[in-house]
């Protein structure tokens, strides 16, 4: 994407500086109405993602489910016989479908949008943050009317951009230990990415964002949330990056193993020196283990994207 491209994502810089990767905050974008994100174009793109022979993820970059619908009638874009785009769009509009398309930055047209969004974000964060980033990614969510996305936390630092339809996102403060105890975070990073548990007694503490086309929201790492779709099909683009393991993952993993050994580790941030020691020890152990298995920590495709982003940032 040329360095002179117009910004896609915009946010109040003072709000961003105060809340980046701490608390959710609203942003704005210019993607609403972009023909790349109309349902017929997205269905065609979804077919290409589903057909990838070299996906980023071992389970594939395409995911869908239709809730309680009989599995014999589920929408399957991977089926070559399902080539009627108009019919597939109708099934999304009338069904209870949730489609996730991962790493859409590999697709022509969407790559340019992704690169502009990432550069807009780095313009807000400052380029120094790039050294702590492991990889960048763009994920597309297509959701049927009134669908609910269950409560969960994510390991990515992300920006969710609402392009079509409306939805409400209920965020909780990750620093609230009633909502998100340390042991849940430790299990999440070490053994179970579904370890976080919704606690309805704290719903009144939620920060609710009413999403509509042209708005977006920043979701800091590990911020608990759940989503309620509106009466129309929702199309949302998630622009995110994942920090290097030493930044978050390895500290919580170290605390998980210490807790398993019968100790009571301090919450991250209380003792910065101890945090660095624990994280560094686990980082070193992981590097040794990967070296023995000759397994890279980042896939080649993701590393290529990373260096391409660096080149674009230098040209801006």
C-alpha atoms as a PDB file:
ATOM      1  CA  UNK A   1       0.000   0.000   0.000  1.00  0.00           C
ATOM      2  CA  UNK A   2       1.541   3.361  -0.977  1.00  0.00           C
ATOM      3  CA  UNK A   3       2.704   5.559   1.875  1.00  0.00           C
ATOM      4  CA  UNK A   4       0.342   8.319   0.683  1.00  0.00           C
ATOM      5  CA  UNK A   5      -2.831   6.239   1.142  1.00  0.00           C
ATOM      6  CA  UNK A   6      -5.616   7.949   3.077  1.00  0.00           C
ATOM      7  CA  UNK A   7      -6.051   6.758   6.700  1.00  0.00           C
ATOM      8  CA  UNK A   8      -8.745   4.164   7.374  1.00  0.00           C
ATOM      9  CA  UNK A   9      -8.729   4.183  11.200  1.00  0.00           C
ATOM     10  CA  UNK A  10      -9.028   7.349  13.266  1.00  0.00           C
ATOM     11  CA  UNK A  11      -9.045   7.865  17.027  1.00  0.00           C
ATOM     12  CA  UNK A  12      -8.696  10.745  19.466  1.00  0.00           C
ATOM     13  CA  UNK A  13      -4.968  10.711  20.261  1.00  0.00           C
ATOM     14  CA  UNK A  14      -5.413  11.774  23.876  1.00  0.00           C
ATOM     15  CA  UNK A  15      -7.894   8.975  24.555  1.00  0.00           C
ATOM     16  CA  UNK A  16      -5.650   6.510  22.746  1.00  0.00           C
ATOM     17  CA  UNK A  17      -2.590   7.502  24.797  1.00  0.00           C
ATOM     18  CA  UNK A  18      -4.488   7.045  28.073  1.00  0.00           C
ATOM     19  CA  UNK A  19      -6.192   3.728  27.293  1.00  0.00           C
ATOM     20  CA  UNK A  20      -4.134   1.821  24.688  1.00  0.00           C
ATOM     21  CA  UNK A  21      -3.955  -1.855  25.712  1.00  0.00           C
ATOM     22  CA  UNK A  22      -5.500  -0.925  29.055  1.00  0.00           C
ATOM     23  CA  UNK A  23      -9.197  -0.255  28.455  1.00  0.00           C
ATOM     24  CA  UNK A  24     -11.526  -0.479  25.439  1.00  0.00           C
ATOM     25  CA  UNK A  25     -12.230   2.748  23.574  1.00  0.00           C
ATOM     26  CA  UNK A  26     -14.105   3.724  20.425  1.00  0.00           C
ATOM     27  CA  UNK A  27     -12.444   4.401  17.079  1.00  0.00           C
ATOM     28  CA  UNK A  28     -13.813   5.354  13.659  1.00  0.00           C
ATOM     29  CA  UNK A  29     -13.069   4.005  10.188  1.00  0.00           C
ATOM     30  CA  UNK A  30     -13.917   4.541   6.520  1.00  0.00           C
ATOM     31  CA  UNK A  31     -14.677   0.952   5.396  1.00  0.00           C
ATOM     32  CA  UNK A  32     -18.484   1.086   5.591  1.00  0.00           C
ATOM     33  CA  UNK A  33     -19.783   0.821   2.031  1.00  0.00           C
ATOM     34  CA  UNK A  34     -16.519  -0.549   0.639  1.00  0.00           C
ATOM     35  CA  UNK A  35     -17.528  -3.088  -2.070  1.00  0.00           C
ATOM     36  CA  UNK A  36     -14.889  -5.548  -0.827  1.00  0.00           C
ATOM     37  CA  UNK A  37     -17.029  -6.059   2.283  1.00  0.00           C
ATOM     38  CA  UNK A  38     -20.417  -6.617   0.648  1.00  0.00           C
ATOM     39  CA  UNK A  39     -21.770 -10.132   1.203  1.00  0.00           C
ATOM     40  CA  UNK A  40     -21.406 -11.450  -2.385  1.00  0.00           C
ATOM     41  CA  UNK A  41     -17.724 -10.414  -2.466  1.00  0.00           C
ATOM     42  CA  UNK A  42     -17.161 -11.872   0.992  1.00  0.00           C
ATOM     43  CA  UNK A  43     -18.709 -15.220   0.051  1.00  0.00           C
ATOM     44  CA  UNK A  44     -16.366 -15.447  -2.932  1.00  0.00           C
ATOM     45  CA  UNK A  45     -13.418 -14.579  -0.716  1.00  0.00           C
ATOM     46  CA  UNK A  46     -14.570 -17.125   1.871  1.00  0.00           C
ATOM     47  CA  UNK A  47     -14.488 -19.852  -0.775  1.00  0.00           C
ATOM     48  CA  UNK A  48     -10.853 -19.021  -1.513  1.00  0.00           C
ATOM     49  CA  UNK A  49      -9.916 -19.020   2.170  1.00  0.00           C
ATOM     50  CA  UNK A  50     -11.696 -22.356   2.712  1.00  0.00           C
ATOM     51  CA  UNK A  51      -9.843 -23.883  -0.243  1.00  0.00           C
ATOM     52  CA  UNK A  52      -6.340 -22.914   0.923  1.00  0.00           C
ATOM     53  CA  UNK A  53      -3.837 -25.734   0.749  1.00  0.00           C
ATOM     54  CA  UNK A  54      -1.331 -23.872   2.946  1.00  0.00           C
ATOM     55  CA  UNK A  55      -3.357 -22.200   5.720  1.00  0.00           C
ATOM     56  CA  UNK A  56      -1.647 -20.353   8.538  1.00  0.00           C
ATOM     57  CA  UNK A  57      -3.380 -22.569  11.085  1.00  0.00           C
ATOM     58  CA  UNK A  58      -3.255 -26.360  11.118  1.00  0.00           C
ATOM     59  CA  UNK A  59      -7.059 -26.557  11.442  1.00  0.00           C
ATOM     60  CA  UNK A  60      -7.494 -24.189   8.510  1.00  0.00           C
ATOM     61  CA  UNK A  61      -8.198 -20.464   8.193  1.00  0.00           C
ATOM     62  CA  UNK A  62     -11.963 -20.923   7.653  1.00  0.00           C
ATOM     63  CA  UNK A  63     -14.431 -21.627  10.462  1.00  0.00           C
ATOM     64  CA  UNK A  64     -18.198 -21.655  10.607  1.00  0.00           C
ATOM     65  CA  UNK A  65     -20.999 -22.913  12.765  1.00  0.00           C
ATOM     66  CA  UNK A  66     -24.761 -22.560  12.597  1.00  0.00           C
ATOM     67  CA  UNK A  67     -25.655 -22.974  16.223  1.00  0.00           C
ATOM     68  CA  UNK A  68     -28.388 -25.559  16.777  1.00  0.00           C
ATOM     69  CA  UNK A  69     -29.076 -26.126  13.063  1.00  0.00           C
ATOM     70  CA  UNK A  70     -29.053 -29.780  11.996  1.00  0.00           C
ATOM     71  CA  UNK A  71     -25.500 -30.591  10.844  1.00  0.00           C
ATOM     72  CA  UNK A  72     -26.906 -32.198   7.682  1.00  0.00           C
ATOM     73  CA  UNK A  73     -28.048 -28.776   6.476  1.00  0.00           C
ATOM     74  CA  UNK A  74     -25.111 -26.663   7.616  1.00  0.00           C
ATOM     75  CA  UNK A  75     -23.554 -24.158   5.264  1.00  0.00           C
ATOM     76  CA  UNK A  76     -20.228 -25.499   3.941  1.00  0.00           C
ATOM     77  CA  UNK A  77     -18.329 -23.196   1.601  1.00  0.00           C
ATOM     78  CA  UNK A  78     -15.667 -25.866   1.169  1.00  0.00           C
ATOM     79  CA  UNK A  79     -18.088 -28.033  -0.807  1.00  0.00           C
ATOM     80  CA  UNK A  80     -17.360 -27.455  -4.546  1.00  0.00           C
ATOM     81  CA  UNK A  81     -21.036 -28.050  -5.286  1.00  0.00           C
ATOM     82  CA  UNK A  82     -21.967 -24.992  -3.212  1.00  0.00           C
ATOM     83  CA  UNK A  83     -21.111 -22.419  -5.890  1.00  0.00           C
ATOM     84  CA  UNK A  84     -24.338 -20.403  -5.920  1.00  0.00           C
ATOM     85  CA  UNK A  85     -23.234 -17.158  -4.265  1.00  0.00           C
ATOM     86  CA  UNK A  86     -26.761 -15.682  -4.134  1.00  0.00           C
ATOM     87  CA  UNK A  87     -28.083 -18.755  -2.315  1.00  0.00           C
ATOM     88  CA  UNK A  88     -25.200 -18.724   0.158  1.00  0.00           C
ATOM     89  CA  UNK A  89     -25.846 -15.061   0.920  1.00  0.00           C
ATOM     90  CA  UNK A  90     -29.529 -15.856   1.520  1.00  0.00           C
ATOM     91  CA  UNK A  91     -28.594 -18.649   3.951  1.00  0.00           C
ATOM     92  CA  UNK A  92     -26.417 -16.240   5.924  1.00  0.00           C
ATOM     93  CA  UNK A  93     -29.158 -13.615   6.035  1.00  0.00           C
ATOM     94  CA  UNK A  94     -31.834 -16.095   7.191  1.00  0.00           C
ATOM     95  CA  UNK A  95     -29.777 -18.491   9.296  1.00  0.00           C
ATOM     96  CA  UNK A  96     -27.954 -18.466  12.607  1.00  0.00           C
ATOM     97  CA  UNK A  97     -24.478 -18.529  11.126  1.00  0.00           C
ATOM     98  CA  UNK A  98     -21.105 -17.436  12.440  1.00  0.00           C
ATOM     99  CA  UNK A  99     -18.293 -17.397   9.871  1.00  0.00           C
ATOM    100  CA  UNK A 100     -14.672 -16.596  10.709  1.00  0.00           C
ATOM    101  CA  UNK A 101     -12.123 -15.971   7.945  1.00  0.00           C
ATOM    102  CA  UNK A 102      -8.575 -15.759   9.269  1.00  0.00           C
ATOM    103  CA  UNK A 103      -5.550 -14.116   7.701  1.00  0.00           C
ATOM    104  CA  UNK A 104      -7.556 -12.431   4.971  1.00  0.00           C
ATOM    105  CA  UNK A 105      -4.535 -10.186   4.416  1.00  0.00           C
ATOM    106  CA  UNK A 106      -3.392 -12.939   2.047  1.00  0.00           C
ATOM    107  CA  UNK A 107      -6.200 -12.055  -0.367  1.00  0.00           C
ATOM    108  CA  UNK A 108      -5.822  -9.372  -3.093  1.00  0.00           C
ATOM    109  CA  UNK A 109      -7.535  -6.110  -2.206  1.00  0.00           C
ATOM    110  CA  UNK A 110      -7.956  -7.083   1.441  1.00  0.00           C
ATOM    111  CA  UNK A 111      -4.171  -7.032   1.898  1.00  0.00           C
ATOM    112  CA  UNK A 112      -4.045  -3.355   0.952  1.00  0.00           C
ATOM    113  CA  UNK A 113      -6.845  -2.521   3.405  1.00  0.00           C
ATOM    114  CA  UNK A 114      -5.083  -4.484   6.146  1.00  0.00           C
ATOM    115  CA  UNK A 115      -1.722  -2.795   5.563  1.00  0.00           C
ATOM    116  CA  UNK A 116      -3.260   0.678   5.706  1.00  0.00           C
ATOM    117  CA  UNK A 117      -5.104  -0.186   8.947  1.00  0.00           C
ATOM    118  CA  UNK A 118      -1.954  -1.552  10.601  1.00  0.00           C
ATOM    119  CA  UNK A 119       0.036   1.514   9.613  1.00  0.00           C
ATOM    120  CA  UNK A 120      -2.719   3.786  10.967  1.00  0.00           C
ATOM    121  CA  UNK A 121      -2.544   1.907  14.286  1.00  0.00           C
ATOM    122  CA  UNK A 122       1.258   2.037  14.478  1.00  0.00           C
ATOM    123  CA  UNK A 123       1.014   5.771  13.789  1.00  0.00           C
ATOM    124  CA  UNK A 124      -1.011   6.006  17.006  1.00  0.00           C
ATOM    125  CA  UNK A 125       1.103   3.627  19.111  1.00  0.00           C
ATOM    126  CA  UNK A 126       4.503   4.766  17.882  1.00  0.00           C
ATOM    127  CA  UNK A 127       6.936   2.636  15.885  1.00  0.00           C
ATOM    128  CA  UNK A 128       8.822   1.436  18.972  1.00  0.00           C
ATOM    129  CA  UNK A 129       6.083  -1.079  19.656  1.00  0.00           C
ATOM    130  CA  UNK A 130       6.922  -3.044  16.507  1.00  0.00           C
ATOM    131  CA  UNK A 131       9.940  -4.710  18.145  1.00  0.00           C
ATOM    132  CA  UNK A 132       7.581  -6.386  20.656  1.00  0.00           C
ATOM    133  CA  UNK A 133       5.144  -7.688  18.018  1.00  0.00           C
ATOM    134  CA  UNK A 134       5.252 -11.298  16.886  1.00  0.00           C
ATOM    135  CA  UNK A 135       2.840 -11.076  13.927  1.00  0.00           C
ATOM    136  CA  UNK A 136      -0.044  -9.108  12.440  1.00  0.00           C
ATOM    137  CA  UNK A 137      -3.385 -10.492  11.260  1.00  0.00           C
ATOM    138  CA  UNK A 138      -6.740  -9.533   9.731  1.00  0.00           C
ATOM    139  CA  UNK A 139      -9.842 -11.608  10.633  1.00  0.00           C
ATOM    140  CA  UNK A 140     -13.281 -11.202   9.060  1.00  0.00           C
ATOM    141  CA  UNK A 141     -16.452 -12.078  11.020  1.00  0.00           C
ATOM    142  CA  UNK A 142     -19.790 -12.612   9.267  1.00  0.00           C
ATOM    143  CA  UNK A 143     -22.677 -13.109  11.688  1.00  0.00           C
ATOM    144  CA  UNK A 144     -26.357 -13.819  11.077  1.00  0.00           C
ATOM    145  CA  UNK A 145     -29.012 -11.627  12.745  1.00  0.00           C
ATOM    146  CA  UNK A 146     -29.392 -11.845  16.539  1.00  0.00           C
ATOM    147  CA  UNK A 147     -26.492 -14.249  16.984  1.00  0.00           C
ATOM    148  CA  UNK A 148     -24.680 -14.136  20.356  1.00  0.00           C
ATOM    149  CA  UNK A 149     -20.921 -14.620  20.633  1.00  0.00           C
ATOM    150  CA  UNK A 150     -20.131 -16.183  23.985  1.00  0.00           C
ATOM    151  CA  UNK A 151     -18.022 -14.558  26.695  1.00  0.00           C
ATOM    152  CA  UNK A 152     -14.276 -15.025  26.148  1.00  0.00           C
ATOM    153  CA  UNK A 153     -10.861 -13.393  26.222  1.00  0.00           C
ATOM    154  CA  UNK A 154      -8.276 -13.132  23.438  1.00  0.00           C
ATOM    155  CA  UNK A 155      -4.503 -13.070  23.374  1.00  0.00           C
ATOM    156  CA  UNK A 156      -4.351 -10.513  20.563  1.00  0.00           C
ATOM    157  CA  UNK A 157      -4.299  -6.726  20.865  1.00  0.00           C
ATOM    158  CA  UNK A 158      -7.062  -5.817  18.427  1.00  0.00           C
ATOM    159  CA  UNK A 159      -9.349  -3.289  16.775  1.00  0.00           C
ATOM    160  CA  UNK A 160     -12.804  -4.495  15.742  1.00  0.00           C
ATOM    161  CA  UNK A 161     -14.262  -2.413  12.906  1.00  0.00           C
ATOM    162  CA  UNK A 162     -18.018  -2.630  12.288  1.00  0.00           C
ATOM    163  CA  UNK A 163     -18.700  -2.496   8.544  1.00  0.00           C
ATOM    164  CA  UNK A 164     -22.279  -3.749   8.128  1.00  0.00           C
ATOM    165  CA  UNK A 165     -25.106  -4.222  10.630  1.00  0.00           C
ATOM    166  CA  UNK A 166     -25.225  -3.336  14.328  1.00  0.00           C
ATOM    167  CA  UNK A 167     -24.053  -5.174  17.431  1.00  0.00           C
ATOM    168  CA  UNK A 168     -23.483  -4.552  21.125  1.00  0.00           C
ATOM    169  CA  UNK A 169     -20.168  -5.509  22.696  1.00  0.00           C
ATOM    170  CA  UNK A 170     -20.008  -5.960  26.459  1.00  0.00           C
ATOM    171  CA  UNK A 171     -16.464  -5.437  27.765  1.00  0.00           C
ATOM    172  CA  UNK A 172     -15.168  -5.900  31.290  1.00  0.00           C
ATOM    173  CA  UNK A 173     -12.058  -4.432  32.897  1.00  0.00           C
ATOM    174  CA  UNK A 174      -9.394  -7.138  32.854  1.00  0.00           C
ATOM    175  CA  UNK A 175      -7.890  -5.604  36.026  1.00  0.00           C
ATOM    176  CA  UNK A 176     -11.082  -6.492  37.942  1.00  0.00           C
ATOM    177  CA  UNK A 177     -10.053  -9.656  39.779  1.00  0.00           C
ATOM    178  CA  UNK A 178     -13.675 -10.484  40.619  1.00  0.00           C
ATOM    179  CA  UNK A 179     -14.366 -10.740  36.903  1.00  0.00           C
ATOM    180  CA  UNK A 180     -11.046 -12.234  35.810  1.00  0.00           C
ATOM    181  CA  UNK A 181      -9.030 -13.894  38.614  1.00  0.00           C
ATOM    182  CA  UNK A 182      -5.328 -14.571  38.094  1.00  0.00           C
ATOM    183  CA  UNK A 183      -5.782 -18.342  38.091  1.00  0.00           C
ATOM    184  CA  UNK A 184      -8.202 -18.087  35.132  1.00  0.00           C
ATOM    185  CA  UNK A 185      -5.648 -16.072  33.167  1.00  0.00           C
ATOM    186  CA  UNK A 186      -2.902 -18.534  34.029  1.00  0.00           C
ATOM    187  CA  UNK A 187      -4.966 -21.507  32.861  1.00  0.00           C
ATOM    188  CA  UNK A 188      -5.905 -19.595  29.704  1.00  0.00           C
ATOM    189  CA  UNK A 189      -2.287 -19.057  28.688  1.00  0.00           C
ATOM    190  CA  UNK A 190      -0.954 -22.423  29.850  1.00  0.00           C
ATOM    191  CA  UNK A 191      -3.576 -25.083  29.147  1.00  0.00           C
ATOM    192  CA  UNK A 192      -7.070 -23.926  28.131  1.00  0.00           C
ATOM    193  CA  UNK A 193      -8.046 -20.995  25.895  1.00  0.00           C
ATOM    194  CA  UNK A 194     -11.626 -21.347  27.179  1.00  0.00           C
ATOM    195  CA  UNK A 195     -10.612 -20.971  30.832  1.00  0.00           C
ATOM    196  CA  UNK A 196     -12.355 -17.629  31.397  1.00  0.00           C
ATOM    197  CA  UNK A 197     -15.831 -17.939  32.932  1.00  0.00           C
ATOM    198  CA  UNK A 198     -18.724 -15.512  32.621  1.00  0.00           C
ATOM    199  CA  UNK A 199     -20.009 -14.323  35.997  1.00  0.00           C
ATOM    200  CA  UNK A 200     -23.518 -12.867  35.530  1.00  0.00           C
ATOM    201  CA  UNK A 201     -23.441 -11.152  38.930  1.00  0.00           C
ATOM    202  CA  UNK A 202     -20.899  -8.687  37.503  1.00  0.00           C
ATOM    203  CA  UNK A 203     -22.738  -7.848  34.262  1.00  0.00           C
ATOM    204  CA  UNK A 204     -23.565  -4.400  35.682  1.00  0.00           C
ATOM    205  CA  UNK A 205     -19.841  -3.608  35.509  1.00  0.00           C
ATOM    206  CA  UNK A 206     -19.746  -4.097  31.732  1.00  0.00           C
ATOM    207  CA  UNK A 207     -18.711  -1.292  29.379  1.00  0.00           C
ATOM    208  CA  UNK A 208     -21.207  -1.596  26.509  1.00  0.00           C
ATOM    209  CA  UNK A 209     -20.331  -0.286  23.055  1.00  0.00           C
ATOM    210  CA  UNK A 210     -23.168   0.067  20.543  1.00  0.00           C
ATOM    211  CA  UNK A 211     -21.439  -0.733  17.248  1.00  0.00           C
ATOM    212  CA  UNK A 212     -22.703   0.567  13.911  1.00  0.00           C
ATOM    213  CA  UNK A 213     -21.119   0.896  10.461  1.00  0.00           C
ATOM    214  CA  UNK A 214     -18.185   3.292  10.606  1.00  0.00           C
ATOM    215  CA  UNK A 215     -17.407   2.727  14.287  1.00  0.00           C
ATOM    216  CA  UNK A 216     -14.932   0.375  15.891  1.00  0.00           C
ATOM    217  CA  UNK A 217     -13.546  -0.517  19.286  1.00  0.00           C
ATOM    218  CA  UNK A 218     -10.104  -1.290  20.657  1.00  0.00           C
ATOM    219  CA  UNK A 219      -9.876  -4.564  22.588  1.00  0.00           C
ATOM    220  CA  UNK A 220      -6.762  -4.816  24.801  1.00  0.00           C
ATOM    221  CA  UNK A 221      -5.098  -8.185  25.375  1.00  0.00           C
ATOM    222  CA  UNK A 222      -7.148 -10.483  27.654  1.00  0.00           C
ATOM    223  CA  UNK A 223     -10.097  -8.106  27.991  1.00  0.00           C
ATOM    224  CA  UNK A 224     -13.228 -10.205  28.733  1.00  0.00           C
ATOM    225  CA  UNK A 225     -16.171  -9.594  26.410  1.00  0.00           C
ATOM    226  CA  UNK A 226     -19.297 -11.010  24.791  1.00  0.00           C
ATOM    227  CA  UNK A 227     -21.316  -9.800  21.795  1.00  0.00           C
ATOM    228  CA  UNK A 228     -24.975  -9.561  20.809  1.00  0.00           C
ATOM    229  CA  UNK A 229     -25.700  -9.095  17.111  1.00  0.00           C
ATOM    230  CA  UNK A 230     -28.571  -6.859  15.963  1.00  0.00           C
ATOM    231  CA  UNK A 231     -31.437  -7.627  13.605  1.00  0.00           C
ATOM    232  CA  UNK A 232     -29.260  -7.572  10.465  1.00  0.00           C
ATOM    233  CA  UNK A 233     -26.269  -9.483   9.152  1.00  0.00           C
ATOM    234  CA  UNK A 234     -23.108  -8.193  10.810  1.00  0.00           C
ATOM    235  CA  UNK A 235     -19.787  -7.842   8.995  1.00  0.00           C
ATOM    236  CA  UNK A 236     -16.820  -6.945  11.214  1.00  0.00           C
ATOM    237  CA  UNK A 237     -13.121  -6.705  10.440  1.00  0.00           C
ATOM    238  CA  UNK A 238     -10.660  -7.442  13.227  1.00  0.00           C
ATOM    239  CA  UNK A 239      -7.201  -5.915  12.802  1.00  0.00           C
ATOM    240  CA  UNK A 240      -4.820  -7.290  15.395  1.00  0.00           C
ATOM    241  CA  UNK A 241      -1.302  -8.154  16.377  1.00  0.00           C
ATOM    242  CA  UNK A 242       0.116 -10.617  18.851  1.00  0.00           C
ATOM    243  CA  UNK A 243       2.897  -9.617  21.192  1.00  0.00           C
ATOM    244  CA  UNK A 244       6.047 -11.698  21.575  1.00  0.00           C
ATOM    245  CA  UNK A 245       5.668 -14.457  24.158  1.00  0.00           C
ATOM    246  CA  UNK A 246       7.851 -12.735  26.743  1.00  0.00           C
ATOM    247  CA  UNK A 247       5.449  -9.785  26.915  1.00  0.00           C
ATOM    248  CA  UNK A 248       2.408 -11.674  28.278  1.00  0.00           C
ATOM    249  CA  UNK A 249       2.251 -15.390  27.688  1.00  0.00           C
ATOM    250  CA  UNK A 250       5.368 -16.611  29.450  1.00  0.00           C
ATOM    251  CA  UNK A 251       4.742 -14.662  32.646  1.00  0.00           C
ATOM    252  CA  UNK A 252       1.283 -16.191  33.094  1.00  0.00           C
ATOM    253  CA  UNK A 253       2.614 -19.627  32.184  1.00  0.00           C
ATOM    254  CA  UNK A 254       5.354 -19.294  34.791  1.00  0.00           C
ATOM    255  CA  UNK A 255       2.795 -18.317  37.434  1.00  0.00           C
ATOM    256  CA  UNK A 256       0.621 -21.264  36.409  1.00  0.00           C
ATOM    257  CA  UNK A 257       3.459 -23.727  37.072  1.00  0.00           C
ATOM    258  CA  UNK A 258       4.372 -22.001  40.334  1.00  0.00           C
ATOM    259  CA  UNK A 259       0.750 -22.276  41.490  1.00  0.00           C
ATOM    260  CA  UNK A 260       0.728 -25.953  40.484  1.00  0.00           C
ATOM    261  CA  UNK A 261       3.785 -26.406  42.726  1.00  0.00           C
ATOM    262  CA  UNK A 262       1.817 -25.119  45.720  1.00  0.00           C
ATOM    263  CA  UNK A 263       3.090 -21.533  45.690  1.00  0.00           C
ATOM    264  CA  UNK A 264       1.066 -18.320  45.482  1.00  0.00           C
ATOM    265  CA  UNK A 265       2.653 -16.149  42.772  1.00  0.00           C
ATOM    266  CA  UNK A 266       2.119 -12.399  42.845  1.00  0.00           C
ATOM    267  CA  UNK A 267      -0.099 -10.819  40.215  1.00  0.00           C
ATOM    268  CA  UNK A 268       1.817  -9.514  37.197  1.00  0.00           C
ATOM    269  CA  UNK A 269       2.894  -5.919  37.692  1.00  0.00           C
ATOM    270  CA  UNK A 270       3.287  -6.013  41.471  1.00  0.00           C
ATOM    271  CA  UNK A 271       6.968  -6.980  41.352  1.00  0.00           C
ATOM    272  CA  UNK A 272       8.424  -6.022  37.936  1.00  0.00           C
ATOM    273  CA  UNK A 273      11.859  -7.523  38.593  1.00  0.00           C
ATOM    274  CA  UNK A 274      10.402 -10.873  39.612  1.00  0.00           C
ATOM    275  CA  UNK A 275       8.112 -10.718  36.560  1.00  0.00           C
ATOM    276  CA  UNK A 276      11.110 -10.292  34.249  1.00  0.00           C
ATOM    277  CA  UNK A 277      12.984 -13.158  35.876  1.00  0.00           C
ATOM    278  CA  UNK A 278      10.043 -15.560  35.619  1.00  0.00           C
ATOM    279  CA  UNK A 279       9.238 -14.603  32.042  1.00  0.00           C
ATOM    280  CA  UNK A 280      12.883 -14.743  30.939  1.00  0.00           C
ATOM    281  CA  UNK A 281      13.346 -18.201  32.449  1.00  0.00           C
ATOM    282  CA  UNK A 282      10.354 -19.608  30.583  1.00  0.00           C
ATOM    283  CA  UNK A 283      11.338 -17.799  27.373  1.00  0.00           C
ATOM    284  CA  UNK A 284      14.765 -19.423  27.511  1.00  0.00           C
ATOM    285  CA  UNK A 285      13.269 -22.867  28.160  1.00  0.00           C
ATOM    286  CA  UNK A 286      10.918 -22.474  25.177  1.00  0.00           C
ATOM    287  CA  UNK A 287      13.776 -21.369  22.911  1.00  0.00           C
ATOM    288  CA  UNK A 288      15.767 -24.460  23.863  1.00  0.00           C
ATOM    289  CA  UNK A 289      12.782 -26.741  23.299  1.00  0.00           C
ATOM    290  CA  UNK A 290      12.051 -25.218  19.882  1.00  0.00           C
ATOM    291  CA  UNK A 291      15.713 -25.529  18.938  1.00  0.00           C
ATOM    292  CA  UNK A 292      15.704 -29.228  19.762  1.00  0.00           C
ATOM    293  CA  UNK A 293      12.541 -29.733  17.702  1.00  0.00           C
ATOM    294  CA  UNK A 294      13.763 -27.359  14.951  1.00  0.00           C
ATOM    295  CA  UNK A 295      10.405 -25.620  14.986  1.00  0.00           C
ATOM    296  CA  UNK A 296      10.171 -21.860  14.246  1.00  0.00           C
ATOM    297  CA  UNK A 297       8.169 -19.666  16.616  1.00  0.00           C
ATOM    298  CA  UNK A 298       6.555 -17.768  13.707  1.00  0.00           C
ATOM    299  CA  UNK A 299       5.328 -19.205  10.398  1.00  0.00           C
ATOM    300  CA  UNK A 300       7.244 -17.994   7.306  1.00  0.00           C
ATOM    301  CA  UNK A 301       4.112 -16.392   5.814  1.00  0.00           C
ATOM    302  CA  UNK A 302       3.507 -14.377   8.980  1.00  0.00           C
ATOM    303  CA  UNK A 303       7.161 -13.315   9.093  1.00  0.00           C
ATOM    304  CA  UNK A 304       6.957 -12.129   5.475  1.00  0.00           C
ATOM    305  CA  UNK A 305       3.897 -10.018   6.366  1.00  0.00           C
ATOM    306  CA  UNK A 306       5.803  -8.581   9.330  1.00  0.00           C
ATOM    307  CA  UNK A 307       8.742  -7.411   7.222  1.00  0.00           C
ATOM    308  CA  UNK A 308       6.438  -6.013   4.542  1.00  0.00           C
ATOM    309  CA  UNK A 309       4.723  -3.908   7.220  1.00  0.00           C
ATOM    310  CA  UNK A 310       8.136  -2.642   8.372  1.00  0.00           C
ATOM    311  CA  UNK A 311       8.960  -1.565   4.827  1.00  0.00           C
ATOM    312  CA  UNK A 312       5.646   0.288   4.493  1.00  0.00           C
ATOM    313  CA  UNK A 313       6.150   2.025   7.842  1.00  0.00           C
ATOM    314  CA  UNK A 314       9.574   3.217   6.744  1.00  0.00           C
ATOM    315  CA  UNK A 315       8.074   4.656   3.560  1.00  0.00           C
ATOM    316  CA  UNK A 316       5.311   6.610   5.338  1.00  0.00           C
END
